[in-house]
Amino acid sequence: MEKIGQLRLIKKGGQVWSIMNQARIILSEDSIVEVKHTCYGSDAVFVKPMQLLFNIPGHIPGVIGRGQDEWSISYNNTEHYEVPPPQF
């Protein structure tokens, strides 16, 4: 199964390694991420933080990148995520 491009969810309280800040971050809210890179022979993945847009009635929701940072996390510490369907 190809992991690159998948949307994943990291639950509040999850810990990630920030590439930009070179520090471990404990998330204060659930975070949507997109898998950007994988590591051969390892469960580690590099992800880009994403933001959900237009999740209100009458609009088509989508995701967009949130900032310049990438995070490193174990793939097993993430959950499957799908953009919610439109509310028409």
N, C-alpha and C. Protein backbone atom coordinates (compact mmCIF):
# COMPACT_ATOMS: atom_id res chain seq x y z
N MET A 1 0.84 -1.18 0.00
CA MET A 1 0.00 0.00 0.00
C MET A 1 0.89 1.25 0.00
N GLU A 2 0.62 2.14 -0.91
CA GLU A 2 1.37 3.38 -1.02
C GLU A 2 0.90 4.37 0.03
N LYS A 3 1.81 4.84 0.86
CA LYS A 3 1.46 5.76 1.94
C LYS A 3 1.53 7.22 1.50
N ILE A 4 2.41 7.53 0.55
CA ILE A 4 2.62 8.91 0.14
C ILE A 4 1.33 9.48 -0.45
N GLY A 5 0.94 10.66 0.01
CA GLY A 5 -0.27 11.33 -0.45
C GLY A 5 -1.49 11.06 0.43
N GLN A 6 -1.41 10.09 1.34
CA GLN A 6 -2.54 9.79 2.21
C GLN A 6 -2.77 10.92 3.21
N LEU A 7 -4.04 11.17 3.50
CA LEU A 7 -4.39 12.07 4.59
C LEU A 7 -4.52 11.24 5.85
N ARG A 8 -3.91 11.69 6.93
CA ARG A 8 -3.93 10.98 8.21
C ARG A 8 -4.31 11.96 9.31
N LEU A 9 -4.71 11.44 10.44
CA LEU A 9 -5.08 12.26 11.59
C LEU A 9 -4.18 11.90 12.76
N ILE A 10 -3.64 12.93 13.41
CA ILE A 10 -2.87 12.74 14.64
C ILE A 10 -3.72 13.33 15.76
N LYS A 11 -4.03 12.51 16.74
CA LYS A 11 -4.91 12.93 17.83
C LYS A 11 -4.22 13.94 18.76
N LYS A 12 -5.04 14.75 19.42
CA LYS A 12 -4.56 15.71 20.42
C LYS A 12 -3.68 14.97 21.43
N GLY A 13 -2.56 15.55 21.79
CA GLY A 13 -1.63 14.93 22.72
C GLY A 13 -0.55 14.10 22.03
N GLY A 14 -0.71 13.87 20.71
CA GLY A 14 0.30 13.14 19.95
C GLY A 14 1.60 13.94 19.89
N GLN A 15 2.72 13.23 19.76
CA GLN A 15 4.02 13.88 19.71
C GLN A 15 4.62 13.71 18.33
N VAL A 16 5.16 14.79 17.79
CA VAL A 16 5.81 14.78 16.48
C VAL A 16 7.17 15.45 16.62
N TRP A 17 8.05 15.15 15.67
CA TRP A 17 9.35 15.83 15.60
C TRP A 17 9.24 16.88 14.51
N SER A 18 9.42 18.16 14.87
CA SER A 18 9.35 19.26 13.91
C SER A 18 10.70 19.39 13.21
N ILE A 19 10.69 19.27 11.89
CA ILE A 19 11.93 19.41 11.12
C ILE A 19 12.43 20.86 11.18
N MET A 20 11.52 21.82 11.03
CA MET A 20 11.91 23.22 11.02
C MET A 20 12.45 23.67 12.38
N ASN A 21 11.79 23.27 13.45
CA ASN A 21 12.19 23.72 14.79
C ASN A 21 13.21 22.82 15.46
N GLN A 22 13.43 21.63 14.89
CA GLN A 22 14.34 20.65 15.48
C GLN A 22 13.99 20.41 16.94
N ALA A 23 12.70 20.17 17.18
CA ALA A 23 12.21 19.95 18.54
C ALA A 23 10.99 19.04 18.51
N ARG A 24 10.76 18.34 19.61
CA ARG A 24 9.57 17.52 19.76
C ARG A 24 8.41 18.42 20.17
N ILE A 25 7.27 18.24 19.50
CA ILE A 25 6.09 19.04 19.76
C ILE A 25 4.97 18.12 20.23
N ILE A 26 4.26 18.52 21.27
CA ILE A 26 3.06 17.81 21.72
C ILE A 26 1.87 18.61 21.20
N LEU A 27 1.03 17.98 20.39
CA LEU A 27 -0.07 18.68 19.73
C LEU A 27 -1.19 19.01 20.71
N SER A 28 -1.69 20.23 20.64
CA SER A 28 -2.75 20.68 21.53
C SER A 28 -4.14 20.48 20.93
N GLU A 29 -4.20 19.99 19.68
CA GLU A 29 -5.47 19.70 19.03
C GLU A 29 -5.26 18.60 18.00
N ASP A 30 -6.35 17.96 17.58
CA ASP A 30 -6.25 16.97 16.50
C ASP A 30 -5.68 17.66 15.27
N SER A 31 -4.79 16.98 14.54
CA SER A 31 -4.16 17.59 13.37
C SER A 31 -4.28 16.67 12.16
N ILE A 32 -4.72 17.25 11.06
CA ILE A 32 -4.75 16.55 9.79
C ILE A 32 -3.38 16.72 9.15
N VAL A 33 -2.84 15.63 8.61
CA VAL A 33 -1.53 15.69 7.94
C VAL A 33 -1.59 14.91 6.64
N GLU A 34 -0.68 15.24 5.73
CA GLU A 34 -0.52 14.49 4.48
C GLU A 34 0.86 13.85 4.49
N VAL A 35 0.92 12.56 4.20
CA VAL A 35 2.21 11.86 4.15
C VAL A 35 2.97 12.33 2.91
N LYS A 36 4.18 12.82 3.13
CA LYS A 36 5.02 13.34 2.04
C LYS A 36 6.17 12.41 1.69
N HIS A 37 6.78 11.75 2.71
CA HIS A 37 7.93 10.88 2.49
C HIS A 37 7.86 9.71 3.46
N THR A 38 8.45 8.59 3.06
CA THR A 38 8.56 7.43 3.93
C THR A 38 10.04 7.07 4.09
N CYS A 39 10.34 6.24 5.06
CA CYS A 39 11.71 5.77 5.29
C CYS A 39 11.75 4.27 5.01
N TYR A 40 12.65 3.85 4.18
CA TYR A 40 12.79 2.44 3.84
C TYR A 40 13.12 1.62 5.08
N GLY A 41 12.37 0.56 5.29
CA GLY A 41 12.63 -0.34 6.41
C GLY A 41 12.24 0.21 7.76
N SER A 42 11.45 1.27 7.77
CA SER A 42 11.05 1.89 9.04
C SER A 42 9.59 2.30 8.96
N ASP A 43 8.98 2.46 10.12
CA ASP A 43 7.59 2.91 10.20
C ASP A 43 7.50 4.44 10.21
N ALA A 44 8.63 5.12 10.24
CA ALA A 44 8.65 6.58 10.30
C ALA A 44 8.20 7.18 8.97
N VAL A 45 7.41 8.24 9.06
CA VAL A 45 6.97 8.98 7.88
C VAL A 45 7.16 10.47 8.15
N PHE A 46 7.32 11.21 7.07
CA PHE A 46 7.38 12.67 7.15
C PHE A 46 6.06 13.19 6.62
N VAL A 47 5.44 14.08 7.39
CA VAL A 47 4.10 14.57 7.05
C VAL A 47 4.08 16.09 7.03
N LYS A 48 3.14 16.63 6.25
CA LYS A 48 2.93 18.08 6.20
C LYS A 48 1.61 18.38 6.90
N PRO A 49 1.60 19.32 7.86
CA PRO A 49 0.36 19.70 8.52
C PRO A 49 -0.61 20.32 7.51
N MET A 50 -1.88 19.97 7.63
CA MET A 50 -2.92 20.45 6.72
C MET A 50 -4.04 21.11 7.53
N GLN A 51 -4.89 21.85 6.84
CA GLN A 51 -6.00 22.55 7.48
C GLN A 51 -7.26 22.31 6.67
N LEU A 52 -8.37 21.98 7.34
CA LEU A 52 -9.66 21.76 6.68
C LEU A 52 -10.31 23.11 6.40
N LEU A 53 -10.79 23.29 5.16
CA LEU A 53 -11.45 24.53 4.75
C LEU A 53 -12.89 24.27 4.36
N PHE A 54 -13.75 25.23 4.60
CA PHE A 54 -15.13 25.24 4.12
C PHE A 54 -15.98 24.06 4.58
N ASN A 55 -15.83 23.64 5.82
CA ASN A 55 -16.66 22.56 6.34
C ASN A 55 -17.95 23.15 6.92
N ILE A 56 -18.68 23.88 6.06
CA ILE A 56 -19.95 24.51 6.46
C ILE A 56 -20.99 24.22 5.38
N PRO A 57 -22.27 24.24 5.72
CA PRO A 57 -23.32 23.95 4.73
C PRO A 57 -23.22 24.86 3.51
N GLY A 58 -23.43 24.27 2.34
CA GLY A 58 -23.41 25.01 1.09
C GLY A 58 -22.05 25.15 0.44
N HIS A 59 -21.01 24.59 1.04
CA HIS A 59 -19.66 24.68 0.48
C HIS A 59 -19.06 23.29 0.33
N ILE A 60 -18.08 23.18 -0.54
CA ILE A 60 -17.37 21.91 -0.73
C ILE A 60 -16.09 21.97 0.09
N PRO A 61 -15.98 21.10 1.13
CA PRO A 61 -14.78 21.14 1.97
C PRO A 61 -13.53 20.64 1.24
N GLY A 62 -12.39 21.09 1.71
CA GLY A 62 -11.11 20.65 1.16
C GLY A 62 -10.02 20.89 2.19
N VAL A 63 -8.80 20.49 1.85
CA VAL A 63 -7.66 20.72 2.74
C VAL A 63 -6.60 21.53 2.02
N ILE A 64 -5.84 22.27 2.81
CA ILE A 64 -4.76 23.10 2.29
C ILE A 64 -3.61 23.01 3.28
N GLY A 65 -2.38 23.17 2.80
CA GLY A 65 -1.21 23.13 3.67
C GLY A 65 -1.25 24.21 4.73
N ARG A 66 -0.69 23.89 5.90
CA ARG A 66 -0.67 24.83 7.02
C ARG A 66 0.78 25.08 7.41
N GLY A 67 1.37 26.12 6.86
CA GLY A 67 2.75 26.47 7.20
C GLY A 67 3.78 25.76 6.35
N GLN A 68 5.04 25.97 6.69
CA GLN A 68 6.18 25.45 5.94
C GLN A 68 6.79 24.19 6.55
N ASP A 69 6.42 23.87 7.76
CA ASP A 69 7.07 22.79 8.51
C ASP A 69 6.68 21.41 7.99
N GLU A 70 7.54 20.44 8.21
CA GLU A 70 7.23 19.01 8.06
C GLU A 70 7.51 18.37 9.40
N TRP A 71 6.76 17.32 9.70
CA TRP A 71 6.92 16.60 10.95
C TRP A 71 7.31 15.16 10.66
N SER A 72 7.98 14.56 11.61
CA SER A 72 8.29 13.14 11.55
C SER A 72 7.49 12.45 12.65
N ILE A 73 6.88 11.30 12.31
CA ILE A 73 6.07 10.55 13.27
C ILE A 73 6.01 9.09 12.82
N SER A 74 5.73 8.20 13.74
CA SER A 74 5.50 6.80 13.39
C SER A 74 4.14 6.69 12.71
N TYR A 75 4.09 6.02 11.57
CA TYR A 75 2.84 5.84 10.82
C TYR A 75 1.77 5.20 11.70
N ASN A 76 2.16 4.30 12.58
CA ASN A 76 1.20 3.62 13.46
C ASN A 76 0.56 4.56 14.48
N ASN A 77 1.12 5.74 14.68
CA ASN A 77 0.56 6.71 15.61
C ASN A 77 -0.40 7.68 14.92
N THR A 78 -0.81 7.35 13.70
CA THR A 78 -1.76 8.16 12.96
C THR A 78 -2.99 7.31 12.64
N GLU A 79 -4.08 7.98 12.28
CA GLU A 79 -5.31 7.31 11.90
C GLU A 79 -5.72 7.76 10.51
N HIS A 80 -6.50 6.92 9.82
CA HIS A 80 -7.03 7.27 8.50
C HIS A 80 -7.90 8.52 8.63
N TYR A 81 -7.86 9.39 7.62
CA TYR A 81 -8.69 10.58 7.60
C TYR A 81 -9.23 10.79 6.20
N GLU A 82 -10.50 11.18 6.11
CA GLU A 82 -11.12 11.54 4.85
C GLU A 82 -11.77 12.91 5.00
N VAL A 83 -11.69 13.71 3.94
CA VAL A 83 -12.35 15.00 3.94
C VAL A 83 -13.86 14.75 4.02
N PRO A 84 -14.58 15.46 4.89
CA PRO A 84 -16.02 15.23 4.99
C PRO A 84 -16.75 15.58 3.70
N PRO A 85 -17.87 14.92 3.43
CA PRO A 85 -18.63 15.22 2.21
C PRO A 85 -19.30 16.60 2.33
N PRO A 86 -19.65 17.21 1.17
CA PRO A 86 -20.34 18.51 1.21
C PRO A 86 -21.69 18.40 1.92
N GLN A 87 -22.11 19.48 2.55
CA GLN A 87 -23.39 19.54 3.25
C GLN A 87 -24.34 20.43 2.47
N PHE A 88 -24.99 19.85 1.46
CA PHE A 88 -25.94 20.64 0.63
C PHE A 88 -27.35 20.41 1.11
